[in-house]
Amino acid sequence: MWVCGLGILVALLFSTLIRRGVFLFRYFLYLLFLVEIGVALVGAVLDRDFVSLGIALLAFFGFTWIALWLERKIGSAALNPDHVWYEGDPRLIPGIKAWVREGDVCLAARVRRLDEGGFFLFLDQPFSFKPGGILGVEMSSENRNVAGDARITAHFSGEKMGLGLQFLPKDLYHFGDYSALVQELRGKGL
């Protein structure tokens, strides 16, 4: 009886905190589930109860799938207007102009995030692309201009189309240009 009551309490607390934007609570929930599944696994192994072991392993894989799904949803929370916690247009990095090229098509884009691992762009016009494909990109700030290829690592289709891209440098000098742009923006506090 107490387990059922505790489960309902945790479920209500979880949904309330997630809707209010306290996303760190999910880590407590992950830890709680992993401890419970770990106790069930150890107990099943010690008792040599293969049915309980199978159920515990099934619960672990189900938990892993749910955790990955939740992480994807929370990762896109700031971008997706369909989420309850969407807070309007995403903040874009000012002072950067960006373009995406695929074949003869050249579209203007706005930069949402930029770091050493890649960048996320919003496009005003949707276009068709191949997930995992390679696009030509160009970004320019007041002092720097970087052009090259980028691999599509993520995409978002909501009110506006967004693409997560990984910069593909031709050589170390080319990557140095991209890194200098990232450092310039970090120096400005963006």
Protein backbone atom coordinates (compact mmCIF):
# COMPACT_ATOMS: atom_id res chain seq x y z
CA MET A 1 0.00 0.00 0.00
CA TRP A 2 2.79 2.43 0.88
CA VAL A 3 4.61 1.70 -2.40
CA CYS A 4 1.50 2.60 -4.40
CA GLY A 5 1.03 5.80 -2.40
CA LEU A 6 4.69 6.76 -2.81
CA GLY A 7 4.48 6.07 -6.55
CA ILE A 8 1.45 8.32 -6.94
CA LEU A 9 3.12 11.05 -4.88
CA VAL A 10 6.33 10.91 -6.97
CA ALA A 11 4.29 10.92 -10.21
CA LEU A 12 2.32 14.01 -9.14
CA LEU A 13 5.45 15.77 -7.93
CA PHE A 14 7.29 14.90 -11.16
CA SER A 15 4.57 16.20 -13.49
CA THR A 16 4.12 19.37 -11.41
CA LEU A 17 7.83 20.19 -11.35
CA ILE A 18 8.38 19.41 -15.04
CA ARG A 19 5.48 21.67 -16.06
CA ARG A 20 7.02 24.46 -14.00
CA GLY A 21 10.41 24.03 -15.67
CA VAL A 22 12.29 22.29 -12.81
CA PHE A 23 13.89 19.78 -15.14
CA LEU A 24 16.60 18.69 -12.67
CA PHE A 25 14.00 16.67 -10.75
CA ARG A 26 14.19 14.02 -13.47
CA TYR A 27 17.67 13.01 -12.24
CA PHE A 28 16.22 12.21 -8.81
CA LEU A 29 13.56 10.11 -10.51
CA TYR A 30 16.19 8.32 -12.65
CA LEU A 31 18.19 7.52 -9.52
CA LEU A 32 15.10 6.25 -7.72
CA PHE A 33 14.21 3.90 -10.61
CA LEU A 34 17.79 2.65 -11.00
CA VAL A 35 18.04 1.84 -7.28
CA GLU A 36 14.73 -0.03 -7.37
CA ILE A 37 15.67 -2.00 -10.50
CA GLY A 38 19.14 -2.69 -9.05
CA VAL A 39 17.62 -4.10 -5.85
CA ALA A 40 15.27 -6.30 -7.90
CA LEU A 41 18.15 -7.54 -10.09
CA VAL A 42 20.41 -8.38 -7.16
CA GLY A 43 17.57 -10.12 -5.31
CA ALA A 44 16.65 -12.15 -8.39
CA VAL A 45 20.28 -13.21 -8.98
CA LEU A 46 20.81 -14.21 -5.35
CA ASP A 47 17.54 -16.20 -5.29
CA ARG A 48 18.18 -17.61 -8.78
CA ASP A 49 14.68 -16.52 -9.74
CA PHE A 50 14.83 -16.24 -13.52
CA VAL A 51 11.28 -14.95 -13.87
CA SER A 52 12.01 -12.01 -11.55
CA LEU A 53 15.34 -11.49 -13.32
CA GLY A 54 13.60 -11.30 -16.69
CA ILE A 55 11.00 -8.87 -15.35
CA ALA A 56 13.74 -6.69 -13.82
CA LEU A 57 15.70 -6.65 -17.08
CA LEU A 58 12.54 -5.82 -19.03
CA ALA A 59 11.84 -2.99 -16.56
CA PHE A 60 15.41 -1.73 -17.03
CA PHE A 61 15.11 -1.61 -20.82
CA GLY A 62 11.68 0.03 -20.56
CA PHE A 63 13.08 2.60 -18.15
CA THR A 64 16.02 3.29 -20.50
CA TRP A 65 13.66 3.86 -23.44
CA ILE A 66 11.46 6.22 -21.39
CA ALA A 67 14.50 8.13 -20.08
CA LEU A 68 15.88 8.62 -23.60
CA TRP A 69 12.47 9.77 -24.84
CA LEU A 70 12.16 12.21 -21.94
CA GLU A 71 15.66 13.60 -22.53
CA ARG A 72 14.80 14.24 -26.21
CA LYS A 73 11.58 16.03 -25.21
CA ILE A 74 13.28 18.16 -22.58
CA GLY A 75 16.14 18.94 -24.97
CA SER A 76 13.68 20.41 -27.47
CA ALA A 77 11.49 22.12 -24.85
CA ALA A 78 12.80 25.60 -25.56
CA LEU A 79 12.25 25.13 -29.29
CA ASN A 80 8.91 23.38 -29.58
CA PRO A 81 5.67 25.40 -29.37
CA ASP A 82 3.69 22.19 -28.82
CA HIS A 83 5.22 21.79 -25.35
CA VAL A 84 3.39 23.22 -22.35
CA TRP A 85 6.58 24.94 -21.14
CA TYR A 86 7.38 26.67 -24.45
CA GLU A 87 8.23 30.29 -23.71
CA GLY A 88 7.97 31.95 -27.11
CA ASP A 89 10.54 32.57 -29.80
CA PRO A 90 13.98 31.20 -28.96
CA ARG A 91 16.79 33.60 -28.25
CA LEU A 92 19.05 33.99 -31.23
CA ILE A 93 22.66 35.14 -31.31
CA PRO A 94 22.68 38.72 -32.60
CA GLY A 95 25.28 39.98 -35.03
CA ILE A 96 25.74 36.72 -36.94
CA LYS A 97 24.48 36.19 -40.45
CA ALA A 98 24.20 32.64 -41.70
CA TRP A 99 23.28 30.93 -44.96
CA VAL A 100 22.59 27.32 -45.81
CA ARG A 101 23.23 25.94 -49.29
CA GLU A 102 22.05 22.71 -50.82
CA GLY A 103 22.67 22.54 -54.53
CA ASP A 104 21.35 25.75 -56.08
CA VAL A 105 19.16 26.62 -53.08
CA CYS A 106 20.56 29.24 -50.69
CA LEU A 107 18.52 30.14 -47.60
CA ALA A 108 19.15 32.72 -44.90
CA ALA A 109 19.32 31.33 -41.37
CA ARG A 110 19.63 32.60 -37.82
CA VAL A 111 21.99 31.07 -35.27
CA ARG A 112 20.47 29.81 -32.01
CA ARG A 113 23.52 28.11 -30.51
CA LEU A 114 27.17 27.89 -31.51
CA ASP A 115 29.99 25.95 -29.85
CA GLU A 116 32.99 23.78 -30.71
CA GLY A 117 30.76 20.76 -31.35
CA GLY A 118 28.51 22.47 -33.87
CA PHE A 119 25.63 24.91 -34.14
CA PHE A 120 21.86 25.12 -34.34
CA LEU A 121 20.18 27.25 -37.01
CA PHE A 122 16.62 28.41 -37.55
CA LEU A 123 15.48 28.86 -41.13
CA ASP A 124 12.67 31.19 -42.14
CA GLN A 125 11.69 28.98 -45.08
CA PRO A 126 11.37 25.20 -44.89
CA PHE A 127 13.18 23.06 -47.43
CA SER A 128 13.62 19.36 -47.95
CA PHE A 129 16.80 17.73 -46.73
CA LYS A 130 18.19 14.29 -46.08
CA PRO A 131 18.77 13.53 -42.37
CA GLY A 132 22.48 12.96 -41.86
CA GLY A 133 23.20 14.73 -45.17
CA ILE A 134 25.79 17.41 -45.77
CA LEU A 135 24.97 21.06 -46.45
CA GLY A 136 27.09 24.04 -47.34
CA VAL A 137 27.03 26.74 -44.65
CA GLU A 138 28.41 30.22 -44.30
CA MET A 139 28.47 32.34 -41.16
CA SER A 140 29.78 35.84 -40.75
CA SER A 141 30.19 38.21 -37.86
CA GLU A 142 31.71 41.70 -37.76
CA ASN A 143 35.27 40.34 -37.89
CA ARG A 144 35.09 36.81 -39.25
CA ASN A 145 33.65 34.87 -42.14
CA VAL A 146 33.55 31.07 -42.04
CA ALA A 147 32.29 28.88 -44.87
CA GLY A 148 32.33 25.13 -45.27
CA ASP A 149 30.31 21.97 -45.07
CA ALA A 150 28.25 20.73 -42.16
CA ARG A 151 26.51 17.43 -41.39
CA ILE A 152 22.87 17.47 -40.27
CA THR A 153 22.80 15.87 -36.82
CA ALA A 154 19.35 17.01 -35.66
CA HIS A 155 16.30 18.68 -37.13
CA PHE A 156 13.23 20.36 -35.76
CA SER A 157 10.02 21.07 -37.61
CA GLY A 158 7.76 23.34 -35.66
CA GLU A 159 6.60 26.86 -36.18
CA LYS A 160 10.01 27.44 -37.76
CA MET A 161 12.38 24.86 -39.15
CA GLY A 162 15.59 24.24 -37.23
CA LEU A 163 18.71 22.24 -38.02
CA GLY A 164 21.46 21.01 -35.72
CA LEU A 165 24.70 20.92 -37.70
CA GLN A 166 28.22 19.65 -37.07
CA PHE A 167 30.93 21.70 -38.78
CA LEU A 168 33.14 19.58 -41.06
CA PRO A 169 36.51 21.33 -41.38
CA LYS A 170 38.70 20.68 -44.39
CA ASP A 171 41.88 20.92 -42.34
CA LEU A 172 43.19 22.22 -39.01
CA TYR A 173 43.50 25.81 -40.28
CA HIS A 174 39.87 25.72 -41.44
CA PHE A 175 38.78 24.45 -38.02
CA GLY A 176 40.85 27.25 -36.46
CA ASP A 177 38.71 29.81 -38.32
CA TYR A 178 35.55 28.22 -36.93
CA SER A 179 37.01 28.04 -33.41
CA ALA A 180 38.03 31.71 -33.63
CA LEU A 181 34.41 32.62 -34.43
CA VAL A 182 33.21 30.61 -31.41
CA GLN A 183 35.80 32.28 -29.15
CA GLU A 184 34.91 35.74 -30.48
CA LEU A 185 31.27 35.20 -29.54
CA ARG A 186 32.17 33.79 -26.13
CA GLY A 187 34.33 36.86 -25.56
CA LYS A 188 31.25 38.99 -26.14
CA GLY A 189 29.32 36.89 -23.63
CA LEU A 190 27.05 35.23 -26.19
